[in-house]
PDB file of N, CA and C in Angstrom:
ATOM      1  N   MET A   1     153.256  56.338  91.823  1.00  0.00           N
ATOM      2  CA  MET A   1     153.553  56.026  93.320  1.00  0.00           C
ATOM      3  C   MET A   1     153.979  53.969  93.703  1.00  0.00           C
ATOM      4  N   PRO A   2     154.860  54.356  93.896  1.00  0.00           N
ATOM      5  CA  PRO A   2     155.670  52.532  94.045  1.00  0.00           C
ATOM      6  C   PRO A   2     154.729  51.643  93.599  1.00  0.00           C
ATOM      7  N   GLU A   3     155.161  50.605  93.333  1.00  0.00           N
ATOM      8  CA  GLU A   3     154.837  48.756  93.112  1.00  0.00           C
ATOM      9  C   GLU A   3     154.578  48.377  94.466  1.00  0.00           C
ATOM     10  N   LEU A   4     153.520  48.199  95.141  1.00  0.00           N
ATOM     11  CA  LEU A   4     153.414  47.637  95.929  1.00  0.00           C
ATOM     12  C   LEU A   4     153.542  45.878  95.629  1.00  0.00           C
ATOM     13  N   GLY A   5     153.388  45.430  94.921  1.00  0.00           N
ATOM     14  CA  GLY A   5     152.758  44.077  94.532  1.00  0.00           C
ATOM     15  C   GLY A   5     150.993  43.758  95.970  1.00  0.00           C
ATOM     16  N   LYS A   6     151.430  42.163  96.175  1.00  0.00           N
ATOM     17  CA  LYS A   6     150.489  41.871  96.785  1.00  0.00           C
ATOM     18  C   LYS A   6     150.298  41.999  97.735  1.00  0.00           C
ATOM     19  N   TYR A   7     150.894  43.402  98.722  1.00  0.00           N
ATOM     20  CA  TYR A   7     150.428  43.969  99.742  1.00  0.00           C
ATOM     21  C   TYR A   7     150.151  45.386  99.238  1.00  0.00           C
ATOM     22  N   ALA A   8     149.198  45.547  97.635  1.00  0.00           N
ATOM     23  CA  ALA A   8     148.581  46.796  97.862  1.00  0.00           C
ATOM     24  C   ALA A   8     147.520  47.532  98.875  1.00  0.00           C
ATOM     25  N   GLY A   9     146.481  45.774  98.654  1.00  0.00           N
ATOM     26  CA  GLY A   9     145.600  46.021  99.446  1.00  0.00           C
ATOM     27  C   GLY A   9     145.336  46.754 100.887  1.00  0.00           C
ATOM     28  N   VAL A  10     146.635  45.667 101.480  1.00  0.00           N
ATOM     29  CA  VAL A  10     147.413  45.933 102.907  1.00  0.00           C
ATOM     30  C   VAL A  10     147.238  48.619 103.265  1.00  0.00           C
ATOM     31  N   VAL A  11     148.218  48.488 102.164  1.00  0.00           N
ATOM     32  CA  VAL A  11     148.766  49.135 102.317  1.00  0.00           C
ATOM     33  C   VAL A  11     148.073  50.266 102.006  1.00  0.00           C
ATOM     34  N   MET A  12     146.757  49.978 100.976  1.00  0.00           N
ATOM     35  CA  MET A  12     146.109  51.490 100.798  1.00  0.00           C
ATOM     36  C   MET A  12     145.217  51.657 101.505  1.00  0.00           C
ATOM     37  N   GLY A  13     144.801  49.954 102.321  1.00  0.00           N
ATOM     38  CA  GLY A  13     143.767  49.720 103.359  1.00  0.00           C
ATOM     39  C   GLY A  13     144.414  50.824 104.632  1.00  0.00           C
ATOM     40  N   SER A  14     146.282  50.768 105.612  1.00  0.00           N
ATOM     41  CA  SER A  14     146.542  51.109 105.699  1.00  0.00           C
ATOM     42  C   SER A  14     146.190  52.874 106.213  1.00  0.00           C
ATOM     43  N   TYR A  15     146.730  53.190 104.175  1.00  0.00           N
ATOM     44  CA  TYR A  15     146.080  54.794 104.517  1.00  0.00           C
ATOM     45  C   TYR A  15     144.441  54.795 104.429  1.00  0.00           C
ATOM     46  N   ALA A  16     143.827  55.139 103.794  1.00  0.00           N
ATOM     47  CA  ALA A  16     142.223  54.876 103.892  1.00  0.00           C
ATOM     48  C   ALA A  16     141.939  55.133 106.335  1.00  0.00           C
ATOM     49  N   ALA A  17     142.400  54.020 106.837  1.00  0.00           N
ATOM     50  CA  ALA A  17     142.273  53.884 107.639  1.00  0.00           C
ATOM     51  C   ALA A  17     142.619  54.689 108.390  1.00  0.00           C
ATOM     52  N   THR A  18     143.882  55.790 108.136  1.00  0.00           N
ATOM     53  CA  THR A  18     144.575  56.829 109.202  1.00  0.00           C
ATOM     54  C   THR A  18     144.028  57.782 108.720  1.00  0.00           C
ATOM     55  N   ALA A  19     143.140  57.659 107.240  1.00  0.00           N
ATOM     56  CA  ALA A  19     142.941  59.333 107.358  1.00  0.00           C
ATOM     57  C   ALA A  19     141.662  59.005 107.543  1.00  0.00           C
ATOM     58  N   ALA A  20     140.503  58.006 107.589  1.00  0.00           N
ATOM     59  CA  ALA A  20     139.403  58.315 108.536  1.00  0.00           C
ATOM     60  C   ALA A  20     139.572  58.261 110.192  1.00  0.00           C
ATOM     61  N   LEU A  21     140.829  58.054 110.804  1.00  0.00           N
ATOM     62  CA  LEU A  21     140.481  58.252 111.869  1.00  0.00           C
ATOM     63  C   LEU A  21     141.500  60.160 112.018  1.00  0.00           C
ATOM     64  N   LEU A  22     142.381  60.063 111.388  1.00  0.00           N
ATOM     65  CA  LEU A  22     142.767  61.365 111.449  1.00  0.00           C
ATOM     66  C   LEU A  22     141.042  62.493 110.732  1.00  0.00           C
ATOM     67  N   VAL A  23     140.174  62.257 110.097  1.00  0.00           N
ATOM     68  CA  VAL A  23     139.346  62.856 110.177  1.00  0.00           C
ATOM     69  C   VAL A  23     137.965  63.399 111.397  1.00  0.00           C
ATOM     70  N   LEU A  24     137.784  61.474 111.514  1.00  0.00           N
ATOM     71  CA  LEU A  24     137.491  61.398 113.078  1.00  0.00           C
ATOM     72  C   LEU A  24     137.969  62.642 114.082  1.00  0.00           C
ATOM     73  N   LEU A  25     139.214  62.320 114.989  1.00  0.00           N
ATOM     74  CA  LEU A  25     139.426  63.180 115.836  1.00  0.00           C
ATOM     75  C   LEU A  25     139.530  64.554 115.233  1.00  0.00           C
ATOM     76  N   VAL A  26     139.671  65.295 113.896  1.00  0.00           N
ATOM     77  CA  VAL A  26     139.635  67.001 114.036  1.00  0.00           C
ATOM     78  C   VAL A  26     137.740  67.193 114.365  1.00  0.00           C
ATOM     79  N   ALA A  27     137.173  65.689 113.870  1.00  0.00           N
ATOM     80  CA  ALA A  27     135.441  66.266 114.042  1.00  0.00           C
ATOM     81  C   ALA A  27     135.148  65.943 115.079  1.00  0.00           C
ATOM     82  N   LEU A  28     135.883  65.569 116.228  1.00  0.00           N
ATOM     83  CA  LEU A  28     136.063  65.545 118.238  1.00  0.00           C
ATOM     84  C   LEU A  28     136.097  66.701 118.094  1.00  0.00           C
ATOM     85  N   SER A  29     137.272  67.068 118.240  1.00  0.00           N
ATOM     86  CA  SER A  29     137.951  68.011 118.705  1.00  0.00           C
ATOM     87  C   SER A  29     136.641  69.675 117.988  1.00  0.00           C
ATOM     88  N   LEU A  30     136.979  69.427 117.039  1.00  0.00           N
ATOM     89  CA  LEU A  30     135.298  70.523 116.623  1.00  0.00           C
ATOM     90  C   LEU A  30     134.400  70.501 117.447  1.00  0.00           C
ATOM     91  N   TRP A  31     134.077  69.097 117.815  1.00  0.00           N
ATOM     92  CA  TRP A  31     132.462  68.808 118.441  1.00  0.00           C
ATOM     93  C   TRP A  31     132.998  69.143 119.754  1.00  0.00           C
ATOM     94  N   GLN A  32     133.460  68.785 120.475  1.00  0.00           N
ATOM     95  CA  GLN A  32     134.191  69.206 121.819  1.00  0.00           C
ATOM     96  C   GLN A  32     134.506  70.617 122.373  1.00  0.00           C
ATOM     97  N   SER A  33     134.485  71.248 120.924  1.00  0.00           N
ATOM     98  CA  SER A  33     135.495  73.023 121.056  1.00  0.00           C
ATOM     99  C   SER A  33     134.095  73.747 121.082  1.00  0.00           C
ATOM    100  N   GLY A  34     132.999  72.789 120.309  1.00  0.00           N
ATOM    101  CA  GLY A  34     131.570  73.770 120.643  1.00  0.00           C
ATOM    102  C   GLY A  34     130.979  73.799 121.482  1.00  0.00           C
ATOM    103  N   ARG A  35     131.567  73.004 122.615  1.00  0.00           N
ATOM    104  CA  ARG A  35     130.504  72.518 123.166  1.00  0.00           C
ATOM    105  C   ARG A  35     131.487  73.175 124.284  1.00  0.00           C
ATOM    106  N   VAL A  36     132.875  73.190 124.566  1.00  0.00           N
ATOM    107  CA  VAL A  36     133.153  74.190 125.928  1.00  0.00           C
ATOM    108  C   VAL A  36     133.089  75.185 125.391  1.00  0.00           C
ATOM    109  N   ARG A  37     133.081  75.840 123.814  1.00  0.00           N
ATOM    110  CA  ARG A  37     132.295  77.032 123.582  1.00  0.00           C
ATOM    111  C   ARG A  37     131.069  77.564 124.687  1.00  0.00           C
ATOM    112  N   ARG A  38     129.705  76.919 124.392  1.00  0.00           N
ATOM    113  CA  ARG A  38     128.977  76.955 124.741  1.00  0.00           C
ATOM    114  C   ARG A  38     128.667  77.142 126.276  1.00  0.00           C
ATOM    115  N   ALA A  39     128.822  76.264 126.546  1.00  0.00           N
ATOM    116  CA  ALA A  39     129.516  76.337 128.370  1.00  0.00           C
ATOM    117  C   ALA A  39     130.317  77.300 129.231  1.00  0.00           C
ATOM    118  N   LEU A  40     131.018  78.072 128.048  1.00  0.00           N
ATOM    119  CA  LEU A  40     131.876  79.259 128.758  1.00  0.00           C
ATOM    120  C   LEU A  40     130.462  80.183 128.443  1.00  0.00           C
ATOM    121  N   ALA A  41     130.299  80.311 127.960  1.00  0.00           N
ATOM    122  CA  ALA A  41     129.216  81.174 126.822  1.00  0.00           C
ATOM    123  C   ALA A  41     128.164  80.999 128.233  1.00  0.00           C
ATOM    124  N   GLU A  42     127.635  80.499 129.284  1.00  0.00           N
ATOM    125  CA  GLU A  42     126.250  80.299 129.554  1.00  0.00           C
ATOM    126  C   GLU A  42     127.188  80.474 131.011  1.00  0.00           C
ATOM    127  N   VAL A  43     127.933  80.067 131.673  1.00  0.00           N
ATOM    128  CA  VAL A  43     128.876  80.528 132.965  1.00  0.00           C
ATOM    129  C   VAL A  43     128.965  82.211 132.847  1.00  0.00           C
ATOM    130  N   GLU A  44     129.657  82.031 131.899  1.00  0.00           N
ATOM    131  CA  GLU A  44     129.842  83.758 131.556  1.00  0.00           C
ATOM    132  C   GLU A  44     128.583  84.960 131.989  1.00  0.00           C
ATOM    133  N   ALA A  45     127.387  84.407 131.442  1.00  0.00           N
ATOM    134  CA  ALA A  45     125.833  84.373 131.201  1.00  0.00           C
ATOM    135  C   ALA A  45     125.340  85.034 132.638  1.00  0.00           C
ATOM    136  N   ARG A  46     125.564  83.369 133.204  1.00  0.00           N
ATOM    137  CA  ARG A  46     125.574  83.763 134.215  1.00  0.00           C
ATOM    138  C   ARG A  46     126.267  84.203 135.765  1.00  0.00           C
ATOM    139  N   GLN A  47     126.976  84.442 134.976  1.00  0.00           N
ATOM    140  CA  GLN A  47     128.512  85.291 135.656  1.00  0.00           C
ATOM    141  C   GLN A  47     127.331  87.132 135.851  1.00  0.00           C
ATOM    142  N   GLU A  48     127.629  87.332 134.901  1.00  0.00           N
ATOM    143  CA  GLU A  48     126.487  88.673 134.475  1.00  0.00           C
ATOM    144  C   GLU A  48     125.617  89.202 135.301  1.00  0.00           C
ATOM    145  N   LYS A  49     124.676  88.368 134.911  1.00  0.00           N
ATOM    146  CA  LYS A  49     123.422  88.468 135.778  1.00  0.00           C
ATOM    147  C   LYS A  49     123.768  88.561 137.049  1.00  0.00           C
ATOM    148  N   SER A  50     124.456  87.663 138.079  1.00  0.00           N
ATOM    149  CA  SER A  50     124.907  88.083 139.390  1.00  0.00           C
ATOM    150  C   SER A  50     125.721  88.899 139.689  1.00  0.00           C
ATOM    151  N   ASP A  51     126.434  89.842 138.871  1.00  0.00           N
ATOM    152  CA  ASP A  51     127.498  90.820 138.823  1.00  0.00           C
ATOM    153  C   ASP A  51     125.904  92.003 139.157  1.00  0.00           C
ATOM    154  N   VAL A  52     124.754  92.036 138.272  1.00  0.00           N
ATOM    155  CA  VAL A  52     124.192  93.347 138.404  1.00  0.00           C
ATOM    156  C   VAL A  52     123.264  93.357 139.502  1.00  0.00           C
TER     157      VAL A  52
END
Protein backbone atom coordinates (compact mmCIF):
# COMPACT_ATOMS: atom_id res chain seq x y z
CA MET A 1 0.00 0.00 0.00
CA PRO A 2 1.42 3.39 -0.93
CA GLU A 3 2.24 5.90 1.79
CA LEU A 4 -0.64 8.38 1.86
CA GLY A 5 0.64 10.62 4.62
CA LYS A 6 -1.88 13.10 5.97
CA TYR A 7 -4.45 12.02 3.35
CA ALA A 8 -4.67 8.41 4.53
CA GLY A 9 -7.87 9.02 6.50
CA VAL A 10 -9.59 10.75 3.61
CA VAL A 11 -8.55 8.12 1.07
CA MET A 12 -9.52 5.20 3.31
CA GLY A 13 -12.82 6.93 4.09
CA SER A 14 -13.46 7.29 0.39
CA TYR A 15 -12.73 3.60 -0.16
CA ALA A 16 -15.09 2.68 2.68
CA ALA A 17 -17.85 4.97 1.37
CA THR A 18 -17.48 3.54 -2.13
CA ALA A 19 -17.64 -0.04 -0.84
CA ALA A 20 -20.71 0.78 1.26
CA LEU A 21 -22.47 2.39 -1.71
CA LEU A 22 -21.69 -0.60 -3.92
CA VAL A 23 -23.08 -3.00 -1.30
CA LEU A 24 -26.19 -0.82 -0.99
CA LEU A 25 -26.66 -0.75 -4.76
CA VAL A 26 -26.40 -4.55 -5.01
CA ALA A 27 -28.78 -5.03 -2.07
CA LEU A 28 -31.35 -2.65 -3.57
CA SER A 29 -31.08 -4.37 -6.94
CA LEU A 30 -31.66 -7.79 -5.37
CA TRP A 31 -34.62 -6.46 -3.35
CA GLN A 32 -36.21 -4.88 -6.42
CA SER A 33 -35.61 -8.05 -8.43
CA GLY A 34 -37.47 -10.06 -5.81
CA ARG A 35 -40.39 -7.62 -5.84
CA VAL A 36 -40.65 -7.74 -9.63
CA ARG A 37 -40.36 -11.54 -9.68
CA ARG A 38 -43.21 -11.87 -7.13
CA ALA A 39 -45.38 -9.37 -9.04
CA LEU A 40 -44.80 -11.24 -12.30
CA ALA A 41 -45.68 -14.57 -10.68
CA GLU A 42 -48.89 -13.01 -9.34
CA VAL A 43 -49.86 -11.66 -12.76
CA GLU A 44 -49.10 -15.00 -14.40
CA ALA A 45 -51.17 -16.85 -11.80
CA ARG A 46 -54.10 -14.47 -12.39
CA GLN A 47 -53.77 -14.96 -16.13
CA GLU A 48 -53.79 -18.77 -15.78
CA LYS A 49 -56.99 -18.56 -13.70
CA SER A 50 -58.71 -16.41 -16.32
CA ASP A 51 -57.61 -18.73 -19.17
CA VAL A 52 -59.23 -21.78 -17.56
